[in-house]
All heavy atoms as atom14 arrays in JSON, in Angstrom:
{
  "sequence": "PKAWDGGMTNGWVHAKDPEWDWRGTTSSDQTVGQVFTLTLMAELMDGD",
  "atom14_mask": [
    [1, 1, 1, 1, 1, 1, 1, 0, 0, 0, 0, 0, 0, 0],
    [1, 1, 1, 1, 1, 1, 1, 1, 1, 0, 0, 0, 0, 0],
    [1, 1, 1, 1, 1, 0, 0, 0, 0, 0, 0, 0, 0, 0],
    [1, 1, 1, 1, 1, 1, 1, 1, 1, 1, 1, 1, 1, 1],
    [1, 1, 1, 1, 1, 1, 1, 1, 0, 0, 0, 0, 0, 0],
    [1, 1, 1, 1, 0, 0, 0, 0, 0, 0, 0, 0, 0, 0],
    [1, 1, 1, 1, 0, 0, 0, 0, 0, 0, 0, 0, 0, 0],
    [1, 1, 1, 1, 1, 1, 1, 1, 0, 0, 0, 0, 0, 0],
    [1, 1, 1, 1, 1, 1, 1, 0, 0, 0, 0, 0, 0, 0],
    [1, 1, 1, 1, 1, 1, 1, 1, 0, 0, 0, 0, 0, 0],
    [1, 1, 1, 1, 0, 0, 0, 0, 0, 0, 0, 0, 0, 0],
    [1, 1, 1, 1, 1, 1, 1, 1, 1, 1, 1, 1, 1, 1],
    [1, 1, 1, 1, 1, 1, 1, 0, 0, 0, 0, 0, 0, 0],
    [1, 1, 1, 1, 1, 1, 1, 1, 1, 1, 0, 0, 0, 0],
    [1, 1, 1, 1, 1, 0, 0, 0, 0, 0, 0, 0, 0, 0],
    [1, 1, 1, 1, 1, 1, 1, 1, 1, 0, 0, 0, 0, 0],
    [1, 1, 1, 1, 1, 1, 1, 1, 0, 0, 0, 0, 0, 0],
    [1, 1, 1, 1, 1, 1, 1, 0, 0, 0, 0, 0, 0, 0],
    [1, 1, 1, 1, 1, 1, 1, 1, 1, 0, 0, 0, 0, 0],
    [1, 1, 1, 1, 1, 1, 1, 1, 1, 1, 1, 1, 1, 1],
    [1, 1, 1, 1, 1, 1, 1, 1, 0, 0, 0, 0, 0, 0],
    [1, 1, 1, 1, 1, 1, 1, 1, 1, 1, 1, 1, 1, 1],
    [1, 1, 1, 1, 1, 1, 1, 1, 1, 1, 1, 0, 0, 0],
    [1, 1, 1, 1, 0, 0, 0, 0, 0, 0, 0, 0, 0, 0],
    [1, 1, 1, 1, 1, 1, 1, 0, 0, 0, 0, 0, 0, 0],
    [1, 1, 1, 1, 1, 1, 1, 0, 0, 0, 0, 0, 0, 0],
    [1, 1, 1, 1, 1, 1, 0, 0, 0, 0, 0, 0, 0, 0],
    [1, 1, 1, 1, 1, 1, 0, 0, 0, 0, 0, 0, 0, 0],
    [1, 1, 1, 1, 1, 1, 1, 1, 0, 0, 0, 0, 0, 0],
    [1, 1, 1, 1, 1, 1, 1, 1, 1, 0, 0, 0, 0, 0],
    [1, 1, 1, 1, 1, 1, 1, 0, 0, 0, 0, 0, 0, 0],
    [1, 1, 1, 1, 1, 1, 1, 0, 0, 0, 0, 0, 0, 0],
    [1, 1, 1, 1, 0, 0, 0, 0, 0, 0, 0, 0, 0, 0],
    [1, 1, 1, 1, 1, 1, 1, 1, 1, 0, 0, 0, 0, 0],
    [1, 1, 1, 1, 1, 1, 1, 0, 0, 0, 0, 0, 0, 0],
    [1, 1, 1, 1, 1, 1, 1, 1, 1, 1, 1, 0, 0, 0],
    [1, 1, 1, 1, 1, 1, 1, 0, 0, 0, 0, 0, 0, 0],
    [1, 1, 1, 1, 1, 1, 1, 1, 0, 0, 0, 0, 0, 0],
    [1, 1, 1, 1, 1, 1, 1, 0, 0, 0, 0, 0, 0, 0],
    [1, 1, 1, 1, 1, 1, 1, 1, 0, 0, 0, 0, 0, 0],
    [1, 1, 1, 1, 1, 1, 1, 1, 0, 0, 0, 0, 0, 0],
    [1, 1, 1, 1, 1, 0, 0, 0, 0, 0, 0, 0, 0, 0],
    [1, 1, 1, 1, 1, 1, 1, 1, 1, 0, 0, 0, 0, 0],
    [1, 1, 1, 1, 1, 1, 1, 1, 0, 0, 0, 0, 0, 0],
    [1, 1, 1, 1, 1, 1, 1, 1, 0, 0, 0, 0, 0, 0],
    [1, 1, 1, 1, 1, 1, 1, 1, 0, 0, 0, 0, 0, 0],
    [1, 1, 1, 1, 0, 0, 0, 0, 0, 0, 0, 0, 0, 0],
    [1, 1, 1, 1, 1, 1, 1, 1, 0, 0, 0, 0, 0, 0]
  ],
  "atom14_positions": [
    [[9.67, -60.21, 11.37], [9.51, -61.34, 12.31], [8.68, -62.49, 11.73], [8.81, -63.62, 12.18], [8.8, -60.7, 13.5], [9.1, -59.24, 13.4], [9.19, -58.94, 11.94], [0.0, 0.0, 0.0], [0.0, 0.0, 0.0], [0.0, 0.0, 0.0], [0.0, 0.0, 0.0], [0.0, 0.0, 0.0], [0.0, 0.0, 0.0], [0.0, 0.0, 0.0]],
    [[7.84, -62.19, 10.72], [7.0, -63.23, 10.15], [7.64, -63.9, 8.93], [7.02, -64.77, 8.31], [5.65, -62.63, 9.76], [4.86, -62.07, 10.94], [3.53, -61.51, 10.49], [2.75, -60.93, 11.67], [1.45, -60.35, 11.22], [0.0, 0.0, 0.0], [0.0, 0.0, 0.0], [0.0, 0.0, 0.0], [0.0, 0.0, 0.0], [0.0, 0.0, 0.0]],
    [[8.85, -63.5, 8.59], [9.49, -64.07, 7.41], [9.84, -65.53, 7.65], [9.91, -66.0, 8.79], [10.75, -63.28, 7.06], [0.0, 0.0, 0.0], [0.0, 0.0, 0.0], [0.0, 0.0, 0.0], [0.0, 0.0, 0.0], [0.0, 0.0, 0.0], [0.0, 0.0, 0.0], [0.0, 0.0, 0.0], [0.0, 0.0, 0.0], [0.0, 0.0, 0.0]],
    [[10.11, -66.23, 6.56], [10.38, -67.68, 6.63], [11.57, -68.0, 7.51], [11.65, -69.09, 8.08], [10.62, -68.22, 5.22], [11.85, -67.65, 4.56], [11.92, -66.52, 3.81], [13.17, -68.17, 4.62], [13.2, -66.28, 3.39], [14.0, -67.29, 3.87], [13.76, -69.29, 5.22], [15.36, -67.5, 3.71], [15.12, -69.49, 5.05], [15.9, -68.61, 4.31]],
    [[12.5, -67.08, 7.61], [13.71, -67.38, 8.39], [13.66, -66.73, 9.77], [14.7, -66.45, 10.37], [14.96, -66.94, 7.62], [14.92, -65.47, 7.22], [13.97, -64.78, 7.63], [15.83, -65.03, 6.51], [0.0, 0.0, 0.0], [0.0, 0.0, 0.0], [0.0, 0.0, 0.0], [0.0, 0.0, 0.0], [0.0, 0.0, 0.0], [0.0, 0.0, 0.0]],
    [[12.46, -66.47, 10.27], [12.32, -65.95, 11.63], [12.79, -64.52, 11.78], [13.22, -64.12, 12.87], [0.0, 0.0, 0.0], [0.0, 0.0, 0.0], [0.0, 0.0, 0.0], [0.0, 0.0, 0.0], [0.0, 0.0, 0.0], [0.0, 0.0, 0.0], [0.0, 0.0, 0.0], [0.0, 0.0, 0.0], [0.0, 0.0, 0.0], [0.0, 0.0, 0.0]],
    [[12.69, -63.74, 10.71], [13.08, -62.34, 10.79], [14.42, -62.05, 10.16], [14.74, -60.91, 9.87], [0.0, 0.0, 0.0], [0.0, 0.0, 0.0], [0.0, 0.0, 0.0], [0.0, 0.0, 0.0], [0.0, 0.0, 0.0], [0.0, 0.0, 0.0], [0.0, 0.0, 0.0], [0.0, 0.0, 0.0], [0.0, 0.0, 0.0], [0.0, 0.0, 0.0]],
    [[15.22, -63.07, 9.94], [16.54, -62.87, 9.35], [16.42, -62.95, 7.82], [16.89, -63.87, 7.18], [17.52, -63.9, 9.89], [17.66, -63.81, 11.4], [18.55, -65.2, 12.09], [18.41, -64.86, 13.84], [0.0, 0.0, 0.0], [0.0, 0.0, 0.0], [0.0, 0.0, 0.0], [0.0, 0.0, 0.0], [0.0, 0.0, 0.0], [0.0, 0.0, 0.0]],
    [[15.7, -61.98, 7.25], [15.32, -62.01, 5.86], [16.54, -62.06, 4.94], [17.48, -61.28, 5.07], [14.46, -60.77, 5.53], [13.37, -60.72, 6.44], [13.92, -60.85, 4.11], [0.0, 0.0, 0.0], [0.0, 0.0, 0.0], [0.0, 0.0, 0.0], [0.0, 0.0, 0.0], [0.0, 0.0, 0.0], [0.0, 0.0, 0.0], [0.0, 0.0, 0.0]],
    [[16.48, -63.03, 3.99], [17.57, -63.21, 3.03], [18.92, -63.44, 3.71], [19.97, -63.12, 3.16], [17.68, -62.01, 2.07], [16.47, -61.9, 1.18], [15.94, -62.92, 0.73], [16.03, -60.7, 0.9], [0.0, 0.0, 0.0], [0.0, 0.0, 0.0], [0.0, 0.0, 0.0], [0.0, 0.0, 0.0], [0.0, 0.0, 0.0], [0.0, 0.0, 0.0]],
    [[18.87, -63.99, 4.9], [20.11, -64.35, 5.57], [20.75, -63.25, 6.37], [21.86, -63.42, 6.86], [0.0, 0.0, 0.0], [0.0, 0.0, 0.0], [0.0, 0.0, 0.0], [0.0, 0.0, 0.0], [0.0, 0.0, 0.0], [0.0, 0.0, 0.0], [0.0, 0.0, 0.0], [0.0, 0.0, 0.0], [0.0, 0.0, 0.0], [0.0, 0.0, 0.0]],
    [[20.09, -62.1, 6.55], [20.68, -61.0, 7.3], [20.55, -61.23, 8.81], [19.53, -61.68, 9.31], [20.02, -59.68, 6.92], [20.55, -59.18, 5.6], [20.0, -59.37, 4.37], [21.76, -58.45, 5.39], [20.79, -58.81, 3.4], [21.88, -58.23, 4.0], [22.76, -57.96, 6.24], [22.94, -57.54, 3.44], [23.82, -57.27, 5.68], [23.91, -57.06, 4.3]],
    [[21.63, -60.92, 9.52], [21.73, -61.17, 10.95], [22.31, -59.92, 11.61], [23.19, -59.26, 11.05], [22.67, -62.37, 11.24], [22.66, -62.71, 12.71], [22.28, -63.57, 10.39], [0.0, 0.0, 0.0], [0.0, 0.0, 0.0], [0.0, 0.0, 0.0], [0.0, 0.0, 0.0], [0.0, 0.0, 0.0], [0.0, 0.0, 0.0], [0.0, 0.0, 0.0]],
    [[21.85, -59.61, 12.8], [22.44, -58.51, 13.56], [23.79, -58.95, 14.1], [23.92, -60.01, 14.71], [21.54, -58.1, 14.73], [20.23, -57.49, 14.29], [20.15, -56.41, 13.44], [18.95, -57.82, 14.6], [18.89, -56.09, 13.23], [18.14, -56.94, 13.92], [0.0, 0.0, 0.0], [0.0, 0.0, 0.0], [0.0, 0.0, 0.0], [0.0, 0.0, 0.0]],
    [[24.79, -58.14, 13.88], [26.12, -58.44, 14.4], [26.19, -58.12, 15.89], [25.33, -57.43, 16.45], [27.16, -57.63, 13.63], [0.0, 0.0, 0.0], [0.0, 0.0, 0.0], [0.0, 0.0, 0.0], [0.0, 0.0, 0.0], [0.0, 0.0, 0.0], [0.0, 0.0, 0.0], [0.0, 0.0, 0.0], [0.0, 0.0, 0.0], [0.0, 0.0, 0.0]],
    [[27.22, -58.63, 16.55], [27.43, -58.3, 17.96], [27.66, -56.8, 18.13], [27.24, -56.21, 19.12], [28.61, -59.09, 18.51], [28.34, -60.59, 18.61], [29.54, -61.33, 19.19], [29.25, -62.83, 19.29], [30.42, -63.58, 19.82], [0.0, 0.0, 0.0], [0.0, 0.0, 0.0], [0.0, 0.0, 0.0], [0.0, 0.0, 0.0], [0.0, 0.0, 0.0]],
    [[28.34, -56.21, 17.17], [28.49, -54.76, 17.15], [27.14, -54.17, 16.74], [26.65, -54.43, 15.63], [29.57, -54.35, 16.15], [29.83, -52.85, 16.11], [28.92, -52.08, 16.5], [30.92, -52.46, 15.68], [0.0, 0.0, 0.0], [0.0, 0.0, 0.0], [0.0, 0.0, 0.0], [0.0, 0.0, 0.0], [0.0, 0.0, 0.0], [0.0, 0.0, 0.0]],
    [[26.47, -53.4, 17.59], [25.11, -52.94, 17.31], [25.01, -52.02, 16.1], [23.89, -51.72, 15.65], [24.71, -52.21, 18.59], [26.0, -51.81, 19.22], [26.97, -52.9, 18.89], [0.0, 0.0, 0.0], [0.0, 0.0, 0.0], [0.0, 0.0, 0.0], [0.0, 0.0, 0.0], [0.0, 0.0, 0.0], [0.0, 0.0, 0.0], [0.0, 0.0, 0.0]],
    [[26.13, -51.58, 15.57], [26.1, -50.68, 14.41], [26.09, -51.42, 13.08], [25.99, -50.79, 12.03], [27.31, -49.74, 14.46], [27.31, -48.78, 15.64], [26.09, -47.87, 15.62], [25.73, -47.38, 14.53], [25.5, -47.66, 16.69], [0.0, 0.0, 0.0], [0.0, 0.0, 0.0], [0.0, 0.0, 0.0], [0.0, 0.0, 0.0], [0.0, 0.0, 0.0]],
    [[26.16, -52.77, 13.13], [26.35, -53.51, 11.88], [25.42, -54.71, 11.79], [25.03, -55.3, 12.79], [27.8, -54.0, 11.75], [28.77, -52.88, 11.57], [29.4, -52.17, 12.55], [29.18, -52.32, 10.33], [30.19, -51.21, 12.01], [30.08, -51.26, 10.64], [28.89, -52.59, 8.99], [30.69, -50.5, 9.65], [29.49, -51.82, 8.0], [30.38, -50.78, 8.33]],
    [[25.07, -55.08, 10.54], [24.39, -56.33, 10.21], [25.27, -57.1, 9.23], [26.07, -56.51, 8.5], [23.03, -56.07, 9.55], [22.05, -55.36, 10.47], [22.13, -55.58, 11.69], [21.22, -54.58, 9.95], [0.0, 0.0, 0.0], [0.0, 0.0, 0.0], [0.0, 0.0, 0.0], [0.0, 0.0, 0.0], [0.0, 0.0, 0.0], [0.0, 0.0, 0.0]],
    [[25.13, -58.42, 9.24], [25.87, -59.22, 8.26], [24.95, -60.25, 7.63], [23.9, -60.59, 8.18], [27.11, -59.89, 8.86], [26.87, -60.85, 9.99], [26.79, -60.56, 11.31], [26.71, -62.28, 9.89], [26.59, -61.69, 12.06], [26.54, -62.77, 11.22], [26.7, -63.18, 8.84], [26.37, -64.13, 11.49], [26.53, -64.54, 9.1], [26.36, -65.0, 10.41]],
    [[25.35, -60.73, 6.48], [24.52, -61.66, 5.72], [25.16, -63.03, 5.65], [26.32, -63.17, 5.27], [24.28, -61.13, 4.3], [23.27, -61.95, 3.52], [23.07, -61.39, 2.13], [22.13, -62.2, 1.37], [21.9, -62.06, 0.07], [22.56, -61.14, -0.61], [21.04, -62.84, -0.55], [0.0, 0.0, 0.0], [0.0, 0.0, 0.0], [0.0, 0.0, 0.0]],
    [[24.4, -64.04, 6.03], [24.87, -65.42, 5.94], [24.52, -66.04, 4.6], [24.65, -65.4, 3.56], [0.0, 0.0, 0.0], [0.0, 0.0, 0.0], [0.0, 0.0, 0.0], [0.0, 0.0, 0.0], [0.0, 0.0, 0.0], [0.0, 0.0, 0.0], [0.0, 0.0, 0.0], [0.0, 0.0, 0.0], [0.0, 0.0, 0.0], [0.0, 0.0, 0.0]],
    [[24.07, -67.29, 4.62], [23.75, -68.07, 3.41], [24.95, -68.17, 2.48], [24.81, -68.21, 1.27], [22.54, -67.49, 2.65], [22.89, -66.21, 2.08], [21.33, -67.34, 3.55], [0.0, 0.0, 0.0], [0.0, 0.0, 0.0], [0.0, 0.0, 0.0], [0.0, 0.0, 0.0], [0.0, 0.0, 0.0], [0.0, 0.0, 0.0], [0.0, 0.0, 0.0]],
    [[26.14, -68.21, 3.06], [27.37, -68.25, 2.28], [27.41, -69.49, 1.38], [27.0, -70.57, 1.79], [28.58, -68.25, 3.23], [28.47, -67.09, 4.08], [29.87, -68.2, 2.47], [0.0, 0.0, 0.0], [0.0, 0.0, 0.0], [0.0, 0.0, 0.0], [0.0, 0.0, 0.0], [0.0, 0.0, 0.0], [0.0, 0.0, 0.0], [0.0, 0.0, 0.0]],
    [[27.91, -69.32, 0.18], [27.84, -70.4, -0.8], [29.23, -70.88, -1.23], [30.26, -70.33, -0.83], [27.05, -69.95, -2.03], [27.81, -69.04, -2.8], [0.0, 0.0, 0.0], [0.0, 0.0, 0.0], [0.0, 0.0, 0.0], [0.0, 0.0, 0.0], [0.0, 0.0, 0.0], [0.0, 0.0, 0.0], [0.0, 0.0, 0.0], [0.0, 0.0, 0.0]],
    [[29.22, -71.87, -2.09], [30.47, -72.48, -2.55], [31.27, -71.54, -3.44], [32.51, -71.56, -3.41], [30.17, -73.78, -3.31], [29.23, -73.56, -4.34], [0.0, 0.0, 0.0], [0.0, 0.0, 0.0], [0.0, 0.0, 0.0], [0.0, 0.0, 0.0], [0.0, 0.0, 0.0], [0.0, 0.0, 0.0], [0.0, 0.0, 0.0], [0.0, 0.0, 0.0]],
    [[30.6, -70.71, -4.26], [31.38, -69.82, -5.12], [32.1, -68.76, -4.3], [33.22, -68.36, -4.63], [30.5, -69.2, -6.2], [29.3, -68.45, -5.68], [28.94, -68.66, -4.51], [28.72, -67.66, -6.44], [0.0, 0.0, 0.0], [0.0, 0.0, 0.0], [0.0, 0.0, 0.0], [0.0, 0.0, 0.0], [0.0, 0.0, 0.0], [0.0, 0.0, 0.0]],
    [[31.48, -68.31, -3.2], [32.2, -67.38, -2.34], [33.36, -68.07, -1.61], [34.39, -67.44, -1.34], [31.23, -66.79, -1.32], [30.25, -65.79, -1.91], [28.83, -66.17, -1.65], [28.48, -66.59, -0.56], [27.98, -66.05, -2.66], [0.0, 0.0, 0.0], [0.0, 0.0, 0.0], [0.0, 0.0, 0.0], [0.0, 0.0, 0.0], [0.0, 0.0, 0.0]],
    [[33.2, -69.35, -1.34], [34.3, -70.09, -0.73], [35.47, -70.19, -1.7], [36.64, -70.06, -1.31], [33.83, -71.5, -0.31], [32.65, -71.38, 0.48], [34.9, -72.2, 0.51], [0.0, 0.0, 0.0], [0.0, 0.0, 0.0], [0.0, 0.0, 0.0], [0.0, 0.0, 0.0], [0.0, 0.0, 0.0], [0.0, 0.0, 0.0], [0.0, 0.0, 0.0]],
    [[35.16, -70.41, -2.97], [36.22, -70.39, -3.99], [36.93, -69.05, -3.97], [38.17, -68.98, -4.02], [35.63, -70.67, -5.39], [36.65, -70.34, -6.47], [35.2, -72.12, -5.5], [0.0, 0.0, 0.0], [0.0, 0.0, 0.0], [0.0, 0.0, 0.0], [0.0, 0.0, 0.0], [0.0, 0.0, 0.0], [0.0, 0.0, 0.0], [0.0, 0.0, 0.0]],
    [[36.16, -67.97, -3.87], [36.78, -66.65, -3.82], [37.71, -66.48, -2.64], [38.81, -65.95, -2.77], [0.0, 0.0, 0.0], [0.0, 0.0, 0.0], [0.0, 0.0, 0.0], [0.0, 0.0, 0.0], [0.0, 0.0, 0.0], [0.0, 0.0, 0.0], [0.0, 0.0, 0.0], [0.0, 0.0, 0.0], [0.0, 0.0, 0.0], [0.0, 0.0, 0.0]],
    [[37.27, -66.94, -1.47], [38.13, -66.83, -0.3], [39.41, -67.64, -0.48], [40.51, -67.16, -0.19], [37.38, -67.32, 0.95], [36.36, -66.34, 1.51], [37.01, -65.16, 2.21], [38.23, -65.06, 2.33], [36.17, -64.24, 2.69], [0.0, 0.0, 0.0], [0.0, 0.0, 0.0], [0.0, 0.0, 0.0], [0.0, 0.0, 0.0], [0.0, 0.0, 0.0]],
    [[39.29, -68.86, -0.95], [40.48, -69.71, -1.1], [41.42, -69.15, -2.17], [42.64, -69.17, -2.01], [40.07, -71.16, -1.41], [41.3, -72.02, -1.71], [39.28, -71.76, -0.25], [0.0, 0.0, 0.0], [0.0, 0.0, 0.0], [0.0, 0.0, 0.0], [0.0, 0.0, 0.0], [0.0, 0.0, 0.0], [0.0, 0.0, 0.0], [0.0, 0.0, 0.0]],
    [[40.86, -68.63, -3.26], [41.68, -68.01, -4.31], [42.51, -66.88, -3.72], [43.72, -66.77, -3.97], [40.76, -67.5, -5.41], [41.46, -66.96, -6.63], [42.36, -67.73, -7.34], [41.17, -65.68, -7.09], [43.0, -67.24, -8.48], [41.79, -65.17, -8.22], [42.71, -65.95, -8.92], [0.0, 0.0, 0.0], [0.0, 0.0, 0.0], [0.0, 0.0, 0.0]],
    [[41.87, -66.04, -2.91], [42.59, -64.93, -2.27], [43.59, -65.42, -1.24], [44.77, -65.03, -1.25], [41.6, -63.98, -1.6], [40.94, -63.2, -2.6], [42.29, -63.03, -0.63], [0.0, 0.0, 0.0], [0.0, 0.0, 0.0], [0.0, 0.0, 0.0], [0.0, 0.0, 0.0], [0.0, 0.0, 0.0], [0.0, 0.0, 0.0], [0.0, 0.0, 0.0]],
    [[43.15, -66.25, -0.33], [44.01, -66.64, 0.79], [45.24, -67.4, 0.33], [46.34, -67.2, 0.87], [43.2, -67.48, 1.78], [42.02, -66.77, 2.45], [41.24, -67.73, 3.33], [42.5, -65.56, 3.26], [0.0, 0.0, 0.0], [0.0, 0.0, 0.0], [0.0, 0.0, 0.0], [0.0, 0.0, 0.0], [0.0, 0.0, 0.0], [0.0, 0.0, 0.0]],
    [[45.1, -68.25, -0.68], [46.27, -69.02, -1.14], [47.27, -68.12, -1.85], [48.48, -68.25, -1.64], [45.84, -70.16, -2.07], [45.05, -69.64, -3.15], [45.03, -71.19, -1.33], [0.0, 0.0, 0.0], [0.0, 0.0, 0.0], [0.0, 0.0, 0.0], [0.0, 0.0, 0.0], [0.0, 0.0, 0.0], [0.0, 0.0, 0.0], [0.0, 0.0, 0.0]],
    [[46.78, -67.19, -2.67], [47.72, -66.33, -3.39], [48.34, -65.29, -2.47], [49.51, -64.92, -2.64], [47.03, -65.68, -4.59], [46.88, -66.66, -5.76], [45.9, -66.15, -6.79], [48.23, -66.93, -6.41], [0.0, 0.0, 0.0], [0.0, 0.0, 0.0], [0.0, 0.0, 0.0], [0.0, 0.0, 0.0], [0.0, 0.0, 0.0], [0.0, 0.0, 0.0]],
    [[47.6, -64.82, -1.47], [48.2, -63.93, -0.48], [49.25, -64.68, 0.33], [50.32, -64.14, 0.64], [47.12, -63.37, 0.44], [46.17, -62.39, -0.23], [46.93, -60.83, -0.72], [46.94, -59.95, 0.85], [0.0, 0.0, 0.0], [0.0, 0.0, 0.0], [0.0, 0.0, 0.0], [0.0, 0.0, 0.0], [0.0, 0.0, 0.0], [0.0, 0.0, 0.0]],
    [[48.96, -65.93, 0.66], [49.92, -66.73, 1.42], [51.16, -67.02, 0.59], [52.28, -67.07, 1.12], [49.26, -68.03, 1.87], [0.0, 0.0, 0.0], [0.0, 0.0, 0.0], [0.0, 0.0, 0.0], [0.0, 0.0, 0.0], [0.0, 0.0, 0.0], [0.0, 0.0, 0.0], [0.0, 0.0, 0.0], [0.0, 0.0, 0.0], [0.0, 0.0, 0.0]],
    [[50.98, -67.21, -0.71], [52.11, -67.55, -1.57], [52.97, -66.34, -1.93], [54.2, -66.42, -1.94], [51.61, -68.2, -2.85], [52.74, -68.57, -3.82], [52.23, -69.31, -5.03], [51.21, -70.01, -4.93], [52.87, -69.2, -6.1], [0.0, 0.0, 0.0], [0.0, 0.0, 0.0], [0.0, 0.0, 0.0], [0.0, 0.0, 0.0], [0.0, 0.0, 0.0]],
    [[52.33, -65.2, -2.19], [53.05, -64.08, -2.78], [53.37, -62.96, -1.78], [54.17, -62.09, -2.08], [52.26, -63.49, -3.95], [52.03, -64.46, -5.12], [51.23, -63.77, -6.22], [53.35, -64.97, -5.67], [0.0, 0.0, 0.0], [0.0, 0.0, 0.0], [0.0, 0.0, 0.0], [0.0, 0.0, 0.0], [0.0, 0.0, 0.0], [0.0, 0.0, 0.0]],
    [[52.76, -62.98, -0.61], [53.08, -61.99, 0.4], [53.94, -62.63, 1.49], [54.19, -63.84, 1.47], [51.81, -61.41, 1.01], [50.93, -60.66, 0.01], [51.75, -59.23, -0.75], [51.75, -58.1, 0.63], [0.0, 0.0, 0.0], [0.0, 0.0, 0.0], [0.0, 0.0, 0.0], [0.0, 0.0, 0.0], [0.0, 0.0, 0.0], [0.0, 0.0, 0.0]],
    [[54.36, -61.83, 2.43], [55.23, -62.33, 3.49], [54.82, -61.68, 4.8], [53.91, -60.85, 4.84], [56.69, -62.01, 3.16], [57.66, -63.02, 3.75], [57.28, -63.68, 4.74], [58.78, -63.14, 3.23], [0.0, 0.0, 0.0], [0.0, 0.0, 0.0], [0.0, 0.0, 0.0], [0.0, 0.0, 0.0], [0.0, 0.0, 0.0], [0.0, 0.0, 0.0]],
    [[55.46, -62.08, 5.86], [55.25, -61.45, 7.15], [53.86, -61.66, 7.7], [53.24, -62.73, 7.55], [0.0, 0.0, 0.0], [0.0, 0.0, 0.0], [0.0, 0.0, 0.0], [0.0, 0.0, 0.0], [0.0, 0.0, 0.0], [0.0, 0.0, 0.0], [0.0, 0.0, 0.0], [0.0, 0.0, 0.0], [0.0, 0.0, 0.0], [0.0, 0.0, 0.0]],
    [[53.32, -60.63, 8.33], [52.05, -60.72, 9.03], [50.89, -61.04, 8.08], [49.99, -61.8, 8.43], [51.78, -59.39, 9.75], [50.47, -59.42, 10.52], [50.33, -60.28, 11.4], [49.59, -58.58, 10.23], [0.0, 0.0, 0.0], [0.0, 0.0, 0.0], [0.0, 0.0, 0.0], [0.0, 0.0, 0.0], [0.0, 0.0, 0.0], [0.0, 0.0, 0.0]]
  ]
}
């Protein structure tokens, strides 16, 4: 609770599902990773 980010140390946040935590502070290199995946999945896969 005394950490610089109000308890969410290193970007960790409690998820709505009480069994899980997730980490924010998402960066540009991870965005590149998402776009690399999503575009090639969209191009080379089909259906759902």
